[in-house]
Amino acid sequence: MQVVSRFRVPVGEGETFRSDLATAREALAACTGYAGGEIGRNVDDPELWVLTTRWENVGSYRRALSSYDVKLRAVAVLSRAIEEPSAYEDAGPGTTLNTGSPRSIG
């Protein structure tokens, strides 16, 4: 699965934000199930940044967000993300897609 978190950051804060985002990515990268990730900035709108991470599964990602180190080093910057859905399942040819129905917890 992949997680796409977008951020709107004033141009004057870009370098500090880039450093903070790199620290967040490093904290996530140390977690079990992390499969890769990149930081990017939009080529047409320099105030728009993105952190894209890939995970073995949604459980790995959710457990990573609960880890102490991620809470300490990443949550503050991740909380600045634009509020929109950010978790995406792999949808390449031959994959089975998730169904859009409520899940039972018991």
C-alpha atoms as a PDB file:
ATOM      1  CA  MET A   1       0.000   0.000   0.000  1.00  0.00           C
ATOM      2  CA  GLN A   2       1.077   3.584  -0.408  1.00  0.00           C
ATOM      3  CA  VAL A   3       0.473   6.711   1.603  1.00  0.00           C
ATOM      4  CA  VAL A   4       0.455  10.119  -0.074  1.00  0.00           C
ATOM      5  CA  SER A   5       0.539  13.092   2.299  1.00  0.00           C
ATOM      6  CA  ARG A   6       0.437  16.551   0.747  1.00  0.00           C
ATOM      7  CA  PHE A   7       1.406  19.764   2.513  1.00  0.00           C
ATOM      8  CA  ARG A   8       0.975  23.477   1.770  1.00  0.00           C
ATOM      9  CA  VAL A   9       4.049  25.310   3.092  1.00  0.00           C
ATOM     10  CA  PRO A  10       4.900  29.013   2.629  1.00  0.00           C
ATOM     11  CA  VAL A  11       7.980  29.393   0.403  1.00  0.00           C
ATOM     12  CA  GLY A  12      10.015  31.001   3.196  1.00  0.00           C
ATOM     13  CA  GLU A  13       9.559  27.911   5.371  1.00  0.00           C
ATOM     14  CA  GLY A  14      10.552  25.407   2.682  1.00  0.00           C
ATOM     15  CA  GLU A  15      14.053  24.506   3.852  1.00  0.00           C
ATOM     16  CA  THR A  16      13.034  24.034   7.476  1.00  0.00           C
ATOM     17  CA  PHE A  17      10.021  22.012   6.383  1.00  0.00           C
ATOM     18  CA  ARG A  18      12.161  19.842   4.099  1.00  0.00           C
ATOM     19  CA  SER A  19      14.435  19.017   7.027  1.00  0.00           C
ATOM     20  CA  ASP A  20      11.475  18.241   9.302  1.00  0.00           C
ATOM     21  CA  LEU A  21       9.894  16.053   6.608  1.00  0.00           C
ATOM     22  CA  ALA A  22      13.171  14.174   6.128  1.00  0.00           C
ATOM     23  CA  THR A  23      13.280  13.495   9.880  1.00  0.00           C
ATOM     24  CA  ALA A  24       9.697  12.197   9.725  1.00  0.00           C
ATOM     25  CA  ARG A  25      10.530   9.934   6.768  1.00  0.00           C
ATOM     26  CA  GLU A  26      13.569   8.564   8.602  1.00  0.00           C
ATOM     27  CA  ALA A  27      11.432   7.744  11.660  1.00  0.00           C
ATOM     28  CA  LEU A  28       8.879   5.966   9.473  1.00  0.00           C
ATOM     29  CA  ALA A  29      11.641   4.149   7.572  1.00  0.00           C
ATOM     30  CA  ALA A  30      12.841   2.539  10.811  1.00  0.00           C
ATOM     31  CA  CYS A  31       9.451   0.858  11.304  1.00  0.00           C
ATOM     32  CA  THR A  32       8.609  -2.736  10.421  1.00  0.00           C
ATOM     33  CA  GLY A  33       6.802  -2.989   7.096  1.00  0.00           C
ATOM     34  CA  TYR A  34       8.244   0.190   5.563  1.00  0.00           C
ATOM     35  CA  ALA A  35       9.070  -0.472   1.897  1.00  0.00           C
ATOM     36  CA  GLY A  36      10.270   2.941   0.703  1.00  0.00           C
ATOM     37  CA  GLY A  37       9.435   6.592   0.460  1.00  0.00           C
ATOM     38  CA  GLU A  38      10.191   9.916  -1.169  1.00  0.00           C
ATOM     39  CA  ILE A  39       9.846  13.615  -0.461  1.00  0.00           C
ATOM     40  CA  GLY A  40       8.845  15.895  -3.314  1.00  0.00           C
ATOM     41  CA  ARG A  41       7.933  19.464  -4.118  1.00  0.00           C
ATOM     42  CA  ASN A  42       5.537  20.453  -6.887  1.00  0.00           C
ATOM     43  CA  VAL A  43       7.327  21.857  -9.945  1.00  0.00           C
ATOM     44  CA  ASP A  44       4.579  24.402 -10.687  1.00  0.00           C
ATOM     45  CA  ASP A  45       3.598  25.386  -7.148  1.00  0.00           C
ATOM     46  CA  PRO A  46       6.637  25.542  -4.804  1.00  0.00           C
ATOM     47  CA  GLU A  47       4.367  25.753  -1.753  1.00  0.00           C
ATOM     48  CA  LEU A  48       3.016  22.233  -2.386  1.00  0.00           C
ATOM     49  CA  TRP A  49       5.068  19.380  -0.904  1.00  0.00           C
ATOM     50  CA  VAL A  50       4.458  15.629  -0.740  1.00  0.00           C
ATOM     51  CA  LEU A  51       5.661  12.695   1.333  1.00  0.00           C
ATOM     52  CA  THR A  52       4.971   9.370  -0.342  1.00  0.00           C
ATOM     53  CA  THR A  53       5.648   6.157   1.545  1.00  0.00           C
ATOM     54  CA  ARG A  54       5.125   2.501   0.641  1.00  0.00           C
ATOM     55  CA  TRP A  55       4.213  -0.206   3.147  1.00  0.00           C
ATOM     56  CA  GLU A  56       3.821  -3.987   3.154  1.00  0.00           C
ATOM     57  CA  ASN A  57       0.220  -3.534   4.310  1.00  0.00           C
ATOM     58  CA  VAL A  58      -2.096  -1.063   6.010  1.00  0.00           C
ATOM     59  CA  GLY A  59      -1.474  -2.657   9.399  1.00  0.00           C
ATOM     60  CA  SER A  60       2.253  -1.923   9.169  1.00  0.00           C
ATOM     61  CA  TYR A  61       1.525   1.719   8.415  1.00  0.00           C
ATOM     62  CA  ARG A  62      -0.956   2.085  11.258  1.00  0.00           C
ATOM     63  CA  ARG A  63       1.398   0.389  13.734  1.00  0.00           C
ATOM     64  CA  ALA A  64       4.189   2.724  12.599  1.00  0.00           C
ATOM     65  CA  LEU A  65       2.065   5.754  13.459  1.00  0.00           C
ATOM     66  CA  SER A  66       1.668   4.312  16.976  1.00  0.00           C
ATOM     67  CA  SER A  67       5.391   3.879  17.597  1.00  0.00           C
ATOM     68  CA  TYR A  68       7.007   6.141  20.181  1.00  0.00           C
ATOM     69  CA  ASP A  69       9.777   7.320  17.839  1.00  0.00           C
ATOM     70  CA  VAL A  70       7.298   8.272  15.099  1.00  0.00           C
ATOM     71  CA  LYS A  71       5.140  10.124  17.605  1.00  0.00           C
ATOM     72  CA  LEU A  72       8.228  11.984  18.799  1.00  0.00           C
ATOM     73  CA  ARG A  73       9.886  12.712  15.434  1.00  0.00           C
ATOM     74  CA  ALA A  74       7.132  12.665  12.810  1.00  0.00           C
ATOM     75  CA  VAL A  75       3.637  13.366  14.091  1.00  0.00           C
ATOM     76  CA  ALA A  76       4.112  17.142  14.431  1.00  0.00           C
ATOM     77  CA  VAL A  77       5.039  17.543  10.770  1.00  0.00           C
ATOM     78  CA  LEU A  78       2.568  14.901   9.542  1.00  0.00           C
ATOM     79  CA  SER A  79      -0.235  16.762  11.318  1.00  0.00           C
ATOM     80  CA  ARG A  80       0.356  19.650   8.894  1.00  0.00           C
ATOM     81  CA  ALA A  81      -0.821  17.513   5.950  1.00  0.00           C
ATOM     82  CA  ILE A  82      -3.726  18.703   3.851  1.00  0.00           C
ATOM     83  CA  GLU A  83      -6.810  16.951   5.197  1.00  0.00           C
ATOM     84  CA  GLU A  84      -7.713  14.402   2.544  1.00  0.00           C
ATOM     85  CA  PRO A  85      -7.642  10.609   2.226  1.00  0.00           C
ATOM     86  CA  SER A  86      -4.009   9.529   2.026  1.00  0.00           C
ATOM     87  CA  ALA A  87      -3.851   5.701   2.060  1.00  0.00           C
ATOM     88  CA  TYR A  88      -4.037   3.930  -1.307  1.00  0.00           C
ATOM     89  CA  GLU A  89      -4.091   0.243  -2.116  1.00  0.00           C
ATOM     90  CA  ASP A  90      -2.042  -1.171  -4.976  1.00  0.00           C
ATOM     91  CA  ALA A  91      -4.360  -1.393  -7.982  1.00  0.00           C
ATOM     92  CA  GLY A  92      -2.141  -2.790 -10.706  1.00  0.00           C
ATOM     93  CA  PRO A  93      -3.370  -5.422 -13.144  1.00  0.00           C
ATOM     94  CA  GLY A  94      -4.203  -8.701 -11.439  1.00  0.00           C
ATOM     95  CA  THR A  95      -4.560  -7.299  -7.935  1.00  0.00           C
ATOM     96  CA  THR A  96      -7.689  -7.857  -5.898  1.00  0.00           C
ATOM     97  CA  LEU A  97      -9.212  -4.547  -4.910  1.00  0.00           C
ATOM     98  CA  ASN A  98     -10.607  -3.786  -1.485  1.00  0.00           C
ATOM     99  CA  THR A  99     -14.401  -3.664  -1.281  1.00  0.00           C
ATOM    100  CA  GLY A 100     -15.992  -0.420  -0.167  1.00  0.00           C
ATOM    101  CA  SER A 101     -18.094  -1.943   2.600  1.00  0.00           C
ATOM    102  CA  PRO A 102     -18.008  -1.428   6.379  1.00  0.00           C
ATOM    103  CA  ARG A 103     -15.768  -3.793   8.271  1.00  0.00           C
ATOM    104  CA  SER A 104     -16.781  -5.740  11.337  1.00  0.00           C
ATOM    105  CA  ILE A 105     -14.576  -5.531  14.421  1.00  0.00           C
ATOM    106  CA  GLY A 106     -16.066  -8.552  16.067  1.00  0.00           C
END
